């Protein structure tokens, strides 16, 4: 016996709220909903939620429900993840 006592093994995956860390992630998940937190406010806002649009090695576009969009540079982003 390798482990002499009972234990629970939990396995998880990034799944629905997968972190988006690099340009390839944004390209891979184009059209998916994302939550983006920026390092410094844009206007008076630091958190943005929208669909991932076009992306390249420098940044990505986020499409909002009201039909507008915004381009974010990768170095502006503090944290980004897929969301429901």
N, C-alpha and C. Protein backbone atom coordinates (compact mmCIF):
# COMPACT_ATOMS: atom_id res chain seq x y z
N UNK A 1 0.85 -1.17 0.00
CA UNK A 1 0.00 0.00 0.00
C UNK A 1 0.90 1.24 0.00
N UNK A 2 0.64 2.14 -0.92
CA UNK A 2 1.46 3.35 -1.03
C UNK A 2 1.08 4.42 -0.02
N UNK A 3 -0.22 4.57 0.21
CA UNK A 3 -0.69 5.59 1.16
C UNK A 3 -1.45 4.87 2.27
N UNK A 4 -0.97 4.96 3.50
CA UNK A 4 -1.53 4.16 4.58
C UNK A 4 -2.85 4.65 5.16
N UNK A 5 -3.41 5.75 4.66
CA UNK A 5 -4.66 6.26 5.20
C UNK A 5 -5.58 6.72 4.06
N UNK A 6 -6.85 6.88 4.38
CA UNK A 6 -7.84 7.31 3.38
C UNK A 6 -7.60 8.77 3.00
N UNK A 7 -7.90 9.09 1.76
CA UNK A 7 -7.75 10.47 1.31
C UNK A 7 -8.72 10.73 0.16
N UNK A 8 -8.99 12.00 -0.10
CA UNK A 8 -9.80 12.42 -1.25
C UNK A 8 -8.88 13.07 -2.26
N UNK A 9 -9.05 12.68 -3.50
CA UNK A 9 -8.28 13.28 -4.58
C UNK A 9 -9.22 14.15 -5.39
N UNK A 10 -8.92 15.44 -5.47
CA UNK A 10 -9.73 16.36 -6.26
C UNK A 10 -8.94 16.77 -7.49
N UNK A 11 -9.59 16.67 -8.63
CA UNK A 11 -8.98 17.06 -9.89
C UNK A 11 -9.84 18.18 -10.46
N UNK A 12 -9.19 19.26 -10.86
CA UNK A 12 -9.96 20.36 -11.43
C UNK A 12 -9.33 20.81 -12.73
N UNK A 13 -10.11 21.54 -13.49
CA UNK A 13 -9.61 22.12 -14.73
C UNK A 13 -10.07 23.57 -14.78
N UNK A 14 -9.43 24.39 -15.59
CA UNK A 14 -9.83 25.80 -15.67
C UNK A 14 -11.28 25.96 -16.09
N UNK A 15 -11.78 25.10 -16.96
CA UNK A 15 -13.18 25.07 -17.33
C UNK A 15 -13.79 26.38 -17.73
N UNK A 16 -14.98 26.66 -17.16
CA UNK A 16 -15.78 27.81 -17.58
C UNK A 16 -15.17 29.15 -17.22
N UNK A 17 -14.36 29.20 -16.19
CA UNK A 17 -13.75 30.47 -15.79
C UNK A 17 -12.24 30.41 -15.97
N UNK A 18 -11.84 29.87 -17.09
CA UNK A 18 -10.42 29.70 -17.43
C UNK A 18 -9.71 31.06 -17.48
N UNK A 19 -8.56 31.17 -16.85
CA UNK A 19 -7.77 32.41 -16.96
C UNK A 19 -7.26 32.59 -18.39
N UNK A 20 -7.23 33.82 -18.83
CA UNK A 20 -6.68 34.17 -20.14
C UNK A 20 -5.37 34.90 -19.87
N UNK A 21 -4.26 34.30 -20.25
CA UNK A 21 -2.96 34.82 -19.83
C UNK A 21 -2.09 35.36 -20.95
N UNK A 22 -2.35 34.94 -22.18
CA UNK A 22 -1.46 35.37 -23.26
C UNK A 22 -2.27 35.57 -24.55
N UNK A 23 -1.68 36.19 -25.55
CA UNK A 23 -2.41 36.46 -26.80
C UNK A 23 -3.03 35.21 -27.43
N UNK A 24 -2.36 34.08 -27.33
CA UNK A 24 -2.91 32.85 -27.92
C UNK A 24 -4.22 32.46 -27.26
N UNK A 25 -4.37 32.71 -25.95
CA UNK A 25 -5.63 32.41 -25.26
C UNK A 25 -6.77 33.23 -25.83
N UNK A 26 -6.54 34.52 -26.09
CA UNK A 26 -7.59 35.38 -26.62
C UNK A 26 -7.97 34.96 -28.04
N UNK A 27 -7.00 34.57 -28.83
CA UNK A 27 -7.27 34.10 -30.19
C UNK A 27 -8.07 32.80 -30.14
N UNK A 28 -7.69 31.89 -29.27
CA UNK A 28 -8.35 30.59 -29.14
C UNK A 28 -9.82 30.72 -28.72
N UNK A 29 -10.11 31.70 -27.85
CA UNK A 29 -11.45 31.83 -27.30
C UNK A 29 -12.24 33.00 -27.90
N UNK A 30 -11.90 33.39 -29.13
CA UNK A 30 -12.64 34.45 -29.82
C UNK A 30 -14.12 34.09 -29.85
N UNK A 31 -14.97 35.08 -29.52
CA UNK A 31 -16.41 34.86 -29.49
C UNK A 31 -16.94 34.44 -28.14
N UNK A 32 -16.07 34.10 -27.21
CA UNK A 32 -16.48 33.71 -25.86
C UNK A 32 -16.55 34.93 -24.95
N UNK A 33 -17.33 34.82 -23.90
CA UNK A 33 -17.50 35.93 -22.95
C UNK A 33 -16.34 35.95 -21.96
N UNK A 34 -15.81 37.15 -21.72
CA UNK A 34 -14.67 37.30 -20.82
C UNK A 34 -14.89 38.46 -19.86
N UNK A 35 -14.26 38.36 -18.71
CA UNK A 35 -14.22 39.43 -17.70
C UNK A 35 -12.78 39.90 -17.64
N UNK A 36 -12.57 41.19 -17.89
CA UNK A 36 -11.23 41.76 -17.96
C UNK A 36 -11.09 42.85 -16.91
N UNK A 37 -10.06 42.74 -16.09
CA UNK A 37 -9.74 43.77 -15.10
C UNK A 37 -8.45 44.45 -15.54
N UNK A 38 -8.52 45.79 -15.68
CA UNK A 38 -7.35 46.53 -16.15
C UNK A 38 -6.55 47.10 -14.98
N UNK A 39 -5.28 47.39 -15.24
CA UNK A 39 -4.38 47.92 -14.21
C UNK A 39 -4.77 49.32 -13.76
N UNK A 40 -5.17 50.15 -14.72
CA UNK A 40 -5.54 51.54 -14.43
C UNK A 40 -6.90 51.80 -15.05
N UNK A 41 -7.77 52.55 -14.36
CA UNK A 41 -9.12 52.80 -14.88
C UNK A 41 -9.11 53.38 -16.29
N UNK A 42 -10.08 52.95 -17.06
CA UNK A 42 -10.35 53.55 -18.37
C UNK A 42 -11.66 54.30 -18.17
N UNK A 43 -11.60 55.63 -18.23
CA UNK A 43 -12.73 56.42 -17.77
C UNK A 43 -12.78 56.23 -16.27
N UNK A 44 -13.89 55.74 -15.77
CA UNK A 44 -13.99 55.46 -14.33
C UNK A 44 -14.18 53.96 -14.08
N UNK A 45 -13.81 53.15 -15.05
CA UNK A 45 -14.09 51.72 -14.99
C UNK A 45 -12.81 50.90 -15.02
N UNK A 46 -12.77 49.85 -14.18
CA UNK A 46 -11.61 48.94 -14.15
C UNK A 46 -11.96 47.52 -14.58
N UNK A 47 -13.26 47.18 -14.60
CA UNK A 47 -13.69 45.83 -14.96
C UNK A 47 -14.61 45.92 -16.17
N UNK A 48 -14.35 45.09 -17.17
CA UNK A 48 -15.12 45.08 -18.40
C UNK A 48 -15.54 43.64 -18.71
N UNK A 49 -16.78 43.47 -19.17
CA UNK A 49 -17.28 42.15 -19.55
C UNK A 49 -17.84 42.25 -20.96
N UNK A 50 -17.39 41.35 -21.81
CA UNK A 50 -17.86 41.34 -23.19
C UNK A 50 -17.35 40.11 -23.92
N UNK A 51 -17.65 40.06 -25.21
CA UNK A 51 -17.20 38.95 -26.04
C UNK A 51 -15.83 39.27 -26.62
N UNK A 52 -14.97 38.29 -26.64
CA UNK A 52 -13.64 38.48 -27.20
C UNK A 52 -13.75 38.59 -28.72
N UNK A 53 -13.16 39.66 -29.25
CA UNK A 53 -13.15 39.88 -30.70
C UNK A 53 -11.79 39.55 -31.27
N UNK A 54 -11.40 40.31 -32.28
CA UNK A 54 -10.11 40.10 -32.92
C UNK A 54 -8.97 40.33 -31.93
N UNK A 55 -7.89 39.60 -32.13
CA UNK A 55 -6.73 39.75 -31.25
C UNK A 55 -5.45 39.56 -32.05
N UNK A 56 -4.36 40.05 -31.49
CA UNK A 56 -3.04 39.84 -32.06
C UNK A 56 -2.05 39.76 -30.91
N UNK A 57 -0.76 39.76 -31.19
CA UNK A 57 0.23 39.60 -30.13
C UNK A 57 0.28 40.78 -29.16
N UNK A 58 -0.29 41.92 -29.54
CA UNK A 58 -0.25 43.11 -28.69
C UNK A 58 -1.49 43.32 -27.84
N UNK A 59 -2.63 42.75 -28.25
CA UNK A 59 -3.85 42.99 -27.52
C UNK A 59 -5.05 42.32 -28.16
N UNK A 60 -6.24 42.74 -27.72
CA UNK A 60 -7.48 42.12 -28.17
C UNK A 60 -8.61 43.14 -28.10
N UNK A 61 -9.69 42.81 -28.77
CA UNK A 61 -10.88 43.64 -28.77
C UNK A 61 -11.94 42.95 -27.92
N UNK A 62 -12.70 43.75 -27.17
CA UNK A 62 -13.81 43.24 -26.38
C UNK A 62 -15.07 43.91 -26.92
N UNK A 63 -16.08 43.10 -27.25
CA UNK A 63 -17.34 43.59 -27.81
C UNK A 63 -18.39 43.59 -26.71
N UNK A 64 -19.02 44.74 -26.49
CA UNK A 64 -19.97 44.90 -25.40
C UNK A 64 -21.41 44.72 -25.87
N UNK A 65 -22.33 44.43 -24.93
CA UNK A 65 -23.74 44.19 -25.23
C UNK A 65 -24.40 45.37 -25.93
N UNK A 66 -23.94 46.60 -25.65
CA UNK A 66 -24.57 47.77 -26.27
C UNK A 66 -24.09 48.02 -27.70
N UNK A 67 -23.28 47.10 -28.24
CA UNK A 67 -22.81 47.22 -29.61
C UNK A 67 -21.49 47.95 -29.76
N UNK A 68 -20.96 48.50 -28.67
CA UNK A 68 -19.67 49.18 -28.73
C UNK A 68 -18.55 48.17 -28.50
N UNK A 69 -17.33 48.61 -28.72
CA UNK A 69 -16.18 47.75 -28.46
C UNK A 69 -15.02 48.59 -27.97
N UNK A 70 -14.02 47.91 -27.43
CA UNK A 70 -12.81 48.59 -26.95
C UNK A 70 -11.64 47.65 -27.19
N UNK A 71 -10.52 48.23 -27.55
CA UNK A 71 -9.29 47.45 -27.73
C UNK A 71 -8.44 47.60 -26.48
N UNK A 72 -7.95 46.47 -25.98
CA UNK A 72 -7.10 46.44 -24.80
C UNK A 72 -5.72 45.95 -25.20
N UNK A 73 -4.69 46.62 -24.74
CA UNK A 73 -3.33 46.14 -24.93
C UNK A 73 -3.03 45.15 -23.82
N UNK A 74 -2.23 44.15 -24.11
CA UNK A 74 -1.93 43.12 -23.12
C UNK A 74 -1.33 43.71 -21.84
N UNK A 75 -0.51 44.75 -21.97
CA UNK A 75 0.10 45.32 -20.76
C UNK A 75 -0.85 46.17 -19.94
N UNK A 76 -2.07 46.44 -20.44
CA UNK A 76 -3.09 47.14 -19.66
C UNK A 76 -3.84 46.19 -18.73
N UNK A 77 -3.79 44.90 -19.02
CA UNK A 77 -4.64 43.92 -18.35
C UNK A 77 -3.98 43.38 -17.09
N UNK A 78 -4.70 43.49 -15.98
CA UNK A 78 -4.24 42.91 -14.71
C UNK A 78 -4.65 41.44 -14.65
N UNK A 79 -5.91 41.16 -15.02
CA UNK A 79 -6.44 39.80 -14.95
C UNK A 79 -7.56 39.66 -15.98
N UNK A 80 -7.64 38.51 -16.62
CA UNK A 80 -8.73 38.23 -17.55
C UNK A 80 -9.08 36.76 -17.44
N UNK A 81 -10.37 36.48 -17.58
CA UNK A 81 -10.81 35.09 -17.53
C UNK A 81 -12.11 34.94 -18.28
N UNK A 82 -12.38 33.73 -18.74
CA UNK A 82 -13.67 33.43 -19.34
C UNK A 82 -14.71 33.50 -18.25
N UNK A 83 -15.94 33.84 -18.62
CA UNK A 83 -17.01 33.92 -17.64
C UNK A 83 -18.32 33.49 -18.29
N UNK A 84 -19.33 33.27 -17.49
CA UNK A 84 -20.66 32.89 -18.00
C UNK A 84 -21.45 34.10 -18.39
